[in-house]
C-alpha cells in the first residue's frame, strides 16, 4: 500500500507545474460525510514504520475546515456499532478473469466484520449493477454467491455500481456503519453517472469504501494542470521555490514538511490560496483523479483504503490489512463553524507528533439545502 496524505496528485501538480515541469507529487484525498451539519472524520494513525497508534484523544488532533480551526470531539466504541457491508464485484469485462480469486472469502469477510451485529449484501456489475443478494445476516450465503458469480458482458460501470450500493445502504437504519468492499478494475468503462455527480455523492455520504483493484488495459488519462494564481498577504514569498518560499528546500523553510514534499506542497497551497479557491481546486482534482483511477479515488474520498491486487494471494493479504485497520480508526466529528454549501477542504494533523502518519479524509461536500 502506498503512503497517502492530504490531497490528490492533481492539486499538487497544479501548484507545482508553473515552477517545475518534472516534479510529480503523489498524495491522496479522503472525504467525509455531513449529516445535519455534523461532519465525521475517520482517521487512521500509524507510525512511519506502519505500526498503528492507539490512545490518542481529540485534544491530540488539530483540524482546519477551509482554513478555519474547528472544535473536535471523538466518537467512542464505534467498532462496536452494527455494520452494513455491501460487497461490490465486477463480473464484466476484465473482471471475469478474476472471479476465481474470490472463491474463499468467507473467513476474511467474517474477520473484517468482527464480533458485531451486521448485514451483508452482494452486488455484481458489468455494464450495469445487479443485486445478487440483498442485505441479510450471515456471511456463508454471501461468500457462496461471490464464489459462484458468472462472467458478465464487456462493460465495467464502476461508478454506477458504487452509487447503487450507496443507495441500498442509505435505506438501512441509521445505526449501521456503512461500508462498501469494491473489487474491480481501475478504469470505468461504461457508467451512465457523471464523474461530477459521483464526486458530490461521495462527498455527502457516510459510506466508507475499501477498494481492491486490478489494472485496466486502458491507458491512464493524462493530467493537465493550470497555474494557480498567487494572492498577496502570505508570510511566504510569492515564488514557491525562492529561498523563503513555501516550496523551498531550505532546512527551515517549512518545519511541518519533515522531508515529505507532498506535505510541503499541501501546506504551500494552503498558504498561497484563499480557502474557498483551494476547496474548489480540490473538488476539480478529485474529478480528474476519478477518471484516472476510480477505485483509488473513491477510497480516498470516503476515508477508506486502496490496494492493487493481481491474484488470490495478494487479494488475501490486502483483505487481512483491511481486517486489522477497520477496528482501529479514530472517528472525529465537528459541526462546521462556516457550513457554506459546496466543497470543503480539511487539514488534519496530530499536533505534537510530527513522527506520525495520519490517513484521513481531507474533503467533504455540503449540498444546497
Protein backbone atom coordinates (compact mmCIF):
# COMPACT_ATOMS: atom_id res chain seq x y z
CA UNK A 1 0.00 0.00 0.00
CA UNK A 2 1.45 3.36 -0.98
CA UNK A 3 1.64 6.09 1.61
CA UNK A 4 -1.05 8.70 1.31
CA UNK A 5 -1.69 12.12 2.70
CA UNK A 6 -3.94 15.09 2.39
CA UNK A 7 -4.65 15.84 -1.30
CA UNK A 8 -4.72 14.15 -4.71
CA UNK A 9 -1.88 14.45 -7.19
CA UNK A 10 -3.62 16.94 -9.45
CA UNK A 11 -3.91 19.63 -6.77
CA UNK A 12 -0.21 19.37 -6.07
CA UNK A 13 0.63 19.39 -9.76
CA UNK A 14 -1.46 22.49 -10.21
CA UNK A 15 0.67 24.20 -7.60
CA UNK A 16 3.99 22.97 -8.94
CA UNK A 17 3.51 22.90 -12.72
CA UNK A 18 4.43 26.53 -13.33
CA UNK A 19 7.61 26.19 -11.27
CA UNK A 20 8.99 22.76 -12.20
CA UNK A 21 7.69 20.59 -15.05
CA UNK A 22 9.32 17.38 -13.91
CA UNK A 23 8.08 17.49 -10.30
CA UNK A 24 5.39 14.94 -9.50
CA UNK A 25 3.91 14.61 -6.04
CA UNK A 26 1.53 11.77 -5.29
CA UNK A 27 -0.85 12.05 -2.39
CA UNK A 28 -4.34 11.00 -1.59
CA UNK A 29 -7.53 12.78 -0.77
CA UNK A 30 -10.10 11.41 1.54
CA UNK A 31 -13.54 12.76 2.04
CA UNK A 32 -16.15 12.72 4.73
CA UNK A 33 -19.80 12.86 5.42
CA UNK A 34 -22.23 15.51 6.53
CA UNK A 35 -25.49 14.82 8.36
CA UNK A 36 -27.41 17.84 9.63
CA UNK A 37 -24.10 19.76 9.60
CA UNK A 38 -22.36 17.12 11.72
CA UNK A 39 -19.16 16.14 9.95
CA UNK A 40 -17.48 12.79 10.67
CA UNK A 41 -13.75 12.43 10.04
CA UNK A 42 -12.44 8.86 10.30
CA UNK A 43 -8.67 8.83 10.78
CA UNK A 44 -6.16 6.00 10.83
CA UNK A 45 -2.91 6.91 12.62
CA UNK A 46 0.31 4.95 12.18
CA UNK A 47 4.00 5.38 12.82
CA UNK A 48 6.27 5.77 9.82
CA UNK A 49 7.10 2.08 10.15
CA UNK A 50 3.41 1.18 9.78
CA UNK A 51 2.51 0.43 13.40
CA UNK A 52 -0.99 1.51 14.45
CA UNK A 53 -1.18 4.21 17.13
CA UNK A 54 -3.69 3.93 19.96
CA UNK A 55 -4.80 6.02 22.96
CA UNK A 56 -4.99 9.39 21.21
CA UNK A 57 -7.78 11.79 22.17
CA UNK A 58 -9.50 14.62 20.33
CA UNK A 59 -7.08 17.02 22.04
CA UNK A 60 -4.20 15.43 20.15
CA UNK A 61 -5.69 16.39 16.76
CA UNK A 62 -5.86 19.75 15.02
CA UNK A 63 -8.32 20.28 12.15
CA UNK A 64 -8.84 23.14 9.70
CA UNK A 65 -12.00 23.34 7.55
CA UNK A 66 -11.38 25.70 4.63
CA UNK A 67 -8.63 27.20 6.73
CA UNK A 68 -10.78 27.71 9.84
CA UNK A 69 -9.86 25.84 13.07
CA UNK A 70 -12.62 23.53 14.29
CA UNK A 71 -13.57 22.15 17.70
CA UNK A 72 -13.41 18.36 17.66
CA UNK A 73 -14.81 15.58 19.76
CA UNK A 74 -14.40 11.84 19.33
CA UNK A 75 -16.97 9.08 18.95
CA UNK A 76 -16.33 6.23 21.38
CA UNK A 77 -16.63 2.50 20.71
CA UNK A 78 -17.53 2.93 17.04
CA UNK A 79 -16.13 -0.56 16.35
CA UNK A 80 -18.99 -1.98 18.44
CA UNK A 81 -21.74 -0.42 16.32
CA UNK A 82 -23.65 -2.63 13.84
CA UNK A 83 -22.12 -2.85 10.37
CA UNK A 84 -23.73 -2.97 6.94
CA UNK A 85 -21.33 -4.27 4.29
CA UNK A 86 -22.01 -4.21 0.55
CA UNK A 87 -19.58 -6.35 -1.46
CA UNK A 88 -19.46 -4.90 -4.99
CA UNK A 89 -17.80 -7.17 -7.57
CA UNK A 90 -17.04 -6.54 -11.23
CA UNK A 91 -18.10 -9.51 -13.34
CA UNK A 92 -18.00 -7.77 -16.72
CA UNK A 93 -15.02 -7.05 -18.97
CA UNK A 94 -11.68 -7.96 -17.43
CA UNK A 95 -13.42 -8.71 -14.15
CA UNK A 96 -14.41 -12.15 -15.44
CA UNK A 97 -10.77 -13.27 -15.33
CA UNK A 98 -10.57 -12.56 -11.59
CA UNK A 99 -13.76 -14.31 -10.45
CA UNK A 100 -11.66 -17.33 -9.47
CA UNK A 101 -9.80 -15.14 -6.94
CA UNK A 102 -12.97 -14.70 -4.87
CA UNK A 103 -13.78 -18.35 -4.11
CA UNK A 104 -12.67 -18.48 -0.47
CA UNK A 105 -13.66 -15.15 1.06
CA UNK A 106 -15.92 -16.21 3.92
CA UNK A 107 -13.28 -16.27 6.71
CA UNK A 108 -11.95 -12.89 5.59
CA UNK A 109 -15.41 -11.34 5.43
CA UNK A 110 -16.13 -12.58 8.95
CA UNK A 111 -12.84 -11.14 10.19
CA UNK A 112 -13.44 -7.75 8.57
CA UNK A 113 -16.93 -7.54 10.08
CA UNK A 114 -15.75 -8.55 13.55
CA UNK A 115 -17.89 -9.52 16.52
CA UNK A 116 -20.78 -7.12 15.90
CA UNK A 117 -24.30 -7.33 14.56
CA UNK A 118 -24.16 -6.98 10.79
CA UNK A 119 -25.88 -7.19 7.42
CA UNK A 120 -24.11 -8.11 4.19
CA UNK A 121 -25.19 -7.75 0.56
CA UNK A 122 -23.61 -8.73 -2.77
CA UNK A 123 -23.80 -6.51 -5.86
CA UNK A 124 -22.30 -7.63 -9.16
CA UNK A 125 -21.81 -5.35 -12.13
CA UNK A 126 -20.87 -5.33 -15.78
CA UNK A 127 -22.40 -2.59 -17.92
CA UNK A 128 -24.96 -2.12 -15.12
CA UNK A 129 -25.25 -3.05 -11.44
CA UNK A 130 -27.31 -6.06 -10.35
CA UNK A 131 -28.38 -7.04 -6.84
CA UNK A 132 -27.12 -10.59 -6.31
CA UNK A 133 -28.01 -10.79 -2.60
CA UNK A 134 -29.93 -8.23 -0.56
CA UNK A 135 -28.82 -7.29 2.95
CA UNK A 136 -29.09 -10.26 5.28
CA UNK A 137 -27.34 -11.79 8.28
CA UNK A 138 -24.62 -14.39 7.83
CA UNK A 139 -21.55 -14.47 5.59
CA UNK A 140 -21.92 -18.02 4.25
CA UNK A 141 -24.60 -17.19 1.68
CA UNK A 142 -22.77 -14.03 0.62
CA UNK A 143 -19.46 -15.89 0.20
CA UNK A 144 -21.16 -18.64 -1.81
CA UNK A 145 -22.81 -16.11 -4.11
CA UNK A 146 -19.49 -14.37 -4.69
CA UNK A 147 -17.67 -17.67 -5.30
CA UNK A 148 -20.20 -18.70 -7.96
CA UNK A 149 -20.59 -15.45 -9.89
CA UNK A 150 -20.71 -15.82 -13.67
CA UNK A 151 -18.97 -13.65 -16.23
CA UNK A 152 -20.99 -10.65 -17.38
CA UNK A 153 -20.89 -8.61 -20.58
CA UNK A 154 -17.97 -6.43 -21.72
CA UNK A 155 -18.94 -3.43 -19.57
CA UNK A 156 -17.47 -2.09 -16.33
CA UNK A 157 -19.85 0.53 -14.87
CA UNK A 158 -17.96 1.04 -11.62
CA UNK A 159 -19.44 4.41 -10.64
CA UNK A 160 -22.98 3.21 -11.35
CA UNK A 161 -22.36 0.19 -9.12
CA UNK A 162 -20.96 2.31 -6.29
CA UNK A 163 -23.89 4.72 -6.42
CA UNK A 164 -26.28 1.76 -6.46
CA UNK A 165 -24.56 0.34 -3.39
CA UNK A 166 -24.72 3.69 -1.59
CA UNK A 167 -28.44 3.98 -2.27
CA UNK A 168 -29.06 0.46 -0.94
CA UNK A 169 -27.07 1.33 2.19
CA UNK A 170 -28.98 4.60 2.69
CA UNK A 171 -32.21 2.64 3.02
CA UNK A 172 -30.93 0.90 6.14
CA UNK A 173 -31.43 2.24 9.70
CA UNK A 174 -29.00 4.99 10.68
CA UNK A 175 -27.48 2.91 13.49
CA UNK A 176 -25.47 0.89 10.96
CA UNK A 177 -21.97 1.85 9.94
CA UNK A 178 -21.95 1.73 6.15
CA UNK A 179 -19.10 0.12 4.22
CA UNK A 180 -18.50 -0.95 0.63
CA UNK A 181 -15.88 -3.53 -0.34
CA UNK A 182 -15.20 -2.92 -4.04
CA UNK A 183 -13.34 -5.36 -6.29
CA UNK A 184 -12.90 -4.04 -9.82
CA UNK A 185 -10.51 -2.81 -12.46
CA UNK A 186 -9.13 0.70 -12.25
CA UNK A 187 -10.94 2.23 -15.24
CA UNK A 188 -14.68 2.80 -15.51
CA UNK A 189 -15.74 1.74 -19.00
CA UNK A 190 -19.50 2.25 -19.17
CA UNK A 191 -21.12 4.18 -16.30
CA UNK A 192 -24.05 6.45 -17.03
CA UNK A 193 -23.34 8.51 -13.90
CA UNK A 194 -21.15 11.54 -14.42
CA UNK A 195 -17.90 11.96 -12.56
CA UNK A 196 -19.20 15.25 -11.16
CA UNK A 197 -22.28 13.58 -9.67
CA UNK A 198 -20.21 10.73 -8.27
CA UNK A 199 -17.76 13.05 -6.50
CA UNK A 200 -20.60 15.04 -4.96
CA UNK A 201 -22.49 11.93 -3.80
CA UNK A 202 -19.34 10.51 -2.25
CA UNK A 203 -18.67 13.82 -0.51
CA UNK A 204 -22.13 13.80 1.05
CA UNK A 205 -22.30 10.17 2.13
CA UNK A 206 -21.30 8.39 5.31
CA UNK A 207 -20.14 5.29 3.44
CA UNK A 208 -16.53 4.20 3.72
CA UNK A 209 -15.17 2.39 0.66
CA UNK A 210 -12.33 -0.11 0.61
CA UNK A 211 -11.13 -0.72 -2.94
CA UNK A 212 -9.19 -3.68 -4.29
CA UNK A 213 -8.36 -3.19 -7.93
CA UNK A 214 -6.59 -4.96 -10.77
CA UNK A 215 -5.10 -2.91 -13.55
CA UNK A 216 -7.11 -1.87 -16.59
CA UNK A 217 -5.94 -2.37 -20.14
CA UNK A 218 -6.91 1.21 -20.93
CA UNK A 219 -4.09 3.73 -20.52
CA UNK A 220 -4.36 6.22 -17.69
CA UNK A 221 -5.76 9.61 -18.60
CA UNK A 222 -3.13 12.35 -18.80
CA UNK A 223 -3.33 15.08 -16.23
CA UNK A 224 -3.27 18.74 -17.16
CA UNK A 225 -3.00 21.40 -14.50
CA UNK A 226 -3.33 25.15 -14.83
CA UNK A 227 -1.13 27.52 -12.90
CA UNK A 228 -2.62 28.50 -9.56
CA UNK A 229 -2.85 32.28 -9.04
CA UNK A 230 -0.95 33.52 -6.03
CA UNK A 231 -2.67 36.19 -3.93
CA UNK A 232 -0.80 38.53 -1.63
CA UNK A 233 -0.80 38.69 2.12
CA UNK A 234 1.05 35.49 3.00
CA UNK A 235 4.10 35.00 5.15
CA UNK A 236 5.89 33.28 2.27
CA UNK A 237 7.36 34.54 -0.96
CA UNK A 238 5.01 34.55 -3.97
CA UNK A 239 7.61 32.36 -5.68
CA UNK A 240 7.25 28.95 -4.01
CA UNK A 241 10.82 27.83 -4.81
CA UNK A 242 12.52 31.02 -3.65
CA UNK A 243 14.78 30.65 -0.58
CA UNK A 244 11.96 31.94 1.62
CA UNK A 245 9.20 30.31 -0.44
CA UNK A 246 6.90 27.62 0.88
CA UNK A 247 8.37 25.03 -1.52
CA UNK A 248 11.97 25.93 -0.67
CA UNK A 249 14.31 23.09 0.17
CA UNK A 250 16.00 25.20 2.82
CA UNK A 251 16.13 23.26 6.14
CA UNK A 252 13.89 25.69 7.99
CA UNK A 253 11.58 26.69 5.15
CA UNK A 254 8.66 24.53 6.23
CA UNK A 255 9.06 22.81 9.60
CA UNK A 256 5.81 20.86 9.08
CA UNK A 257 7.08 19.12 5.95
CA UNK A 258 9.57 16.83 7.72
CA UNK A 259 11.24 15.94 4.42
CA UNK A 260 7.91 14.98 2.85
CA UNK A 261 7.44 17.05 -0.31
CA UNK A 262 3.78 16.04 -0.58
CA UNK A 263 3.04 17.53 2.83
CA UNK A 264 5.10 20.60 1.99
CA UNK A 265 3.18 21.14 -1.27
CA UNK A 266 -0.16 20.80 0.51
CA UNK A 267 0.87 23.32 3.15
CA UNK A 268 2.17 25.61 0.44
CA UNK A 269 -1.17 25.53 -1.35
CA UNK A 270 -2.87 26.36 1.92
CA UNK A 271 -0.56 29.33 2.43
CA UNK A 272 -0.92 30.76 -1.08
CA UNK A 273 -4.57 30.18 -1.89
CA UNK A 274 -7.79 31.57 -0.44
CA UNK A 275 -9.64 28.73 1.36
CA UNK A 276 -12.61 28.67 -1.00
CA UNK A 277 -10.35 28.60 -4.05
CA UNK A 278 -8.40 25.73 -2.53
CA UNK A 279 -11.64 23.84 -1.88
CA UNK A 280 -12.76 24.35 -5.49
CA UNK A 281 -9.44 23.05 -6.79
CA UNK A 282 -9.65 20.01 -4.52
CA UNK A 283 -13.08 19.21 -5.98
CA UNK A 284 -11.77 19.58 -9.54
CA UNK A 285 -8.75 17.46 -8.65
CA UNK A 286 -10.95 14.70 -7.28
CA UNK A 287 -12.90 14.57 -10.55
CA UNK A 288 -9.69 14.29 -12.55
CA UNK A 289 -8.37 11.57 -10.26
CA UNK A 290 -11.68 9.71 -10.66
CA UNK A 291 -11.11 9.50 -14.40
CA UNK A 292 -7.59 8.16 -13.84
CA UNK A 293 -8.37 5.51 -11.22
CA UNK A 294 -11.93 5.41 -9.91
CA UNK A 295 -11.47 2.74 -7.20
CA UNK A 296 -8.48 4.53 -5.72
CA UNK A 297 -10.25 7.88 -5.68
CA UNK A 298 -13.49 6.66 -4.12
CA UNK A 299 -11.47 5.07 -1.33
CA UNK A 300 -9.69 8.37 -0.77
CA UNK A 301 -12.86 10.43 -0.87
CA UNK A 302 -14.61 8.29 1.72
CA UNK A 303 -11.78 7.67 4.17
CA UNK A 304 -11.23 4.05 3.18
CA UNK A 305 -8.17 2.35 1.73
CA UNK A 306 -6.98 1.32 -1.72
CA UNK A 307 -4.94 -1.73 -2.73
CA UNK A 308 -3.85 -3.12 -6.09
CA UNK A 309 -4.02 -6.91 -6.43
CA UNK A 310 -3.18 -9.42 -9.14
CA UNK A 311 -4.31 -12.81 -7.80
CA UNK A 312 -5.99 -14.58 -4.89
CA UNK A 313 -2.84 -14.50 -2.75
CA UNK A 314 -2.32 -10.73 -2.98
CA UNK A 315 -6.06 -10.18 -2.52
CA UNK A 316 -6.00 -12.18 0.71
CA UNK A 317 -3.01 -10.21 2.00
CA UNK A 318 -4.74 -6.88 1.40
CA UNK A 319 -8.00 -8.06 2.94
CA UNK A 320 -6.02 -9.04 6.02
CA UNK A 321 -4.65 -5.49 6.24
CA UNK A 322 -8.18 -4.10 5.97
CA UNK A 323 -9.29 -6.55 8.67
CA UNK A 324 -6.65 -5.15 11.03
CA UNK A 325 -7.29 -1.49 10.16
CA UNK A 326 -11.11 -1.38 10.29
CA UNK A 327 -11.49 -1.50 14.09
CA UNK A 328 -8.65 0.95 14.71
CA UNK A 329 -9.98 4.15 13.18
CA UNK A 330 -10.45 7.24 15.29
CA UNK A 331 -13.80 8.81 14.38
CA UNK A 332 -13.61 12.54 14.97
CA UNK A 333 -16.58 14.83 14.49
CA UNK A 334 -17.35 18.52 14.41
CA UNK A 335 -20.04 20.98 13.40
CA UNK A 336 -18.60 23.37 10.78
CA UNK A 337 -18.36 26.92 12.02
CA UNK A 338 -18.93 28.06 8.43
CA UNK A 339 -21.21 25.46 6.76
CA UNK A 340 -21.29 27.06 3.31
CA UNK A 341 -22.72 24.87 0.51
CA UNK A 342 -20.17 23.35 -1.82
CA UNK A 343 -16.80 21.62 -1.46
CA UNK A 344 -14.77 21.92 1.75
CA UNK A 345 -11.13 21.00 2.19
CA UNK A 346 -9.76 19.70 5.51
CA UNK A 347 -6.30 19.56 7.06
CA UNK A 348 -5.98 17.10 9.94
CA UNK A 349 -2.80 16.67 11.96
CA UNK A 350 -1.63 15.20 15.22
CA UNK A 351 -0.30 18.47 16.55
CA UNK A 352 2.52 17.35 18.85
CA UNK A 353 3.54 14.19 16.96
CA UNK A 354 5.18 15.00 13.59
CA UNK A 355 6.51 11.44 13.55
CA UNK A 356 3.02 10.05 12.95
CA UNK A 357 1.27 9.48 9.62
CA UNK A 358 -2.42 10.39 9.57
CA UNK A 359 -4.57 8.82 6.85
CA UNK A 360 -7.83 10.76 6.99
CA UNK A 361 -10.43 12.30 4.77
CA UNK A 362 -9.41 15.69 3.51
CA UNK A 363 -12.59 16.96 1.86
CA UNK A 364 -16.35 16.87 2.07
CA UNK A 365 -19.30 18.38 0.26
CA UNK A 366 -22.33 20.26 1.55
CA UNK A 367 -25.24 20.29 -0.88
CA UNK A 368 -27.67 23.15 -1.28
CA UNK A 369 -30.43 22.71 1.25
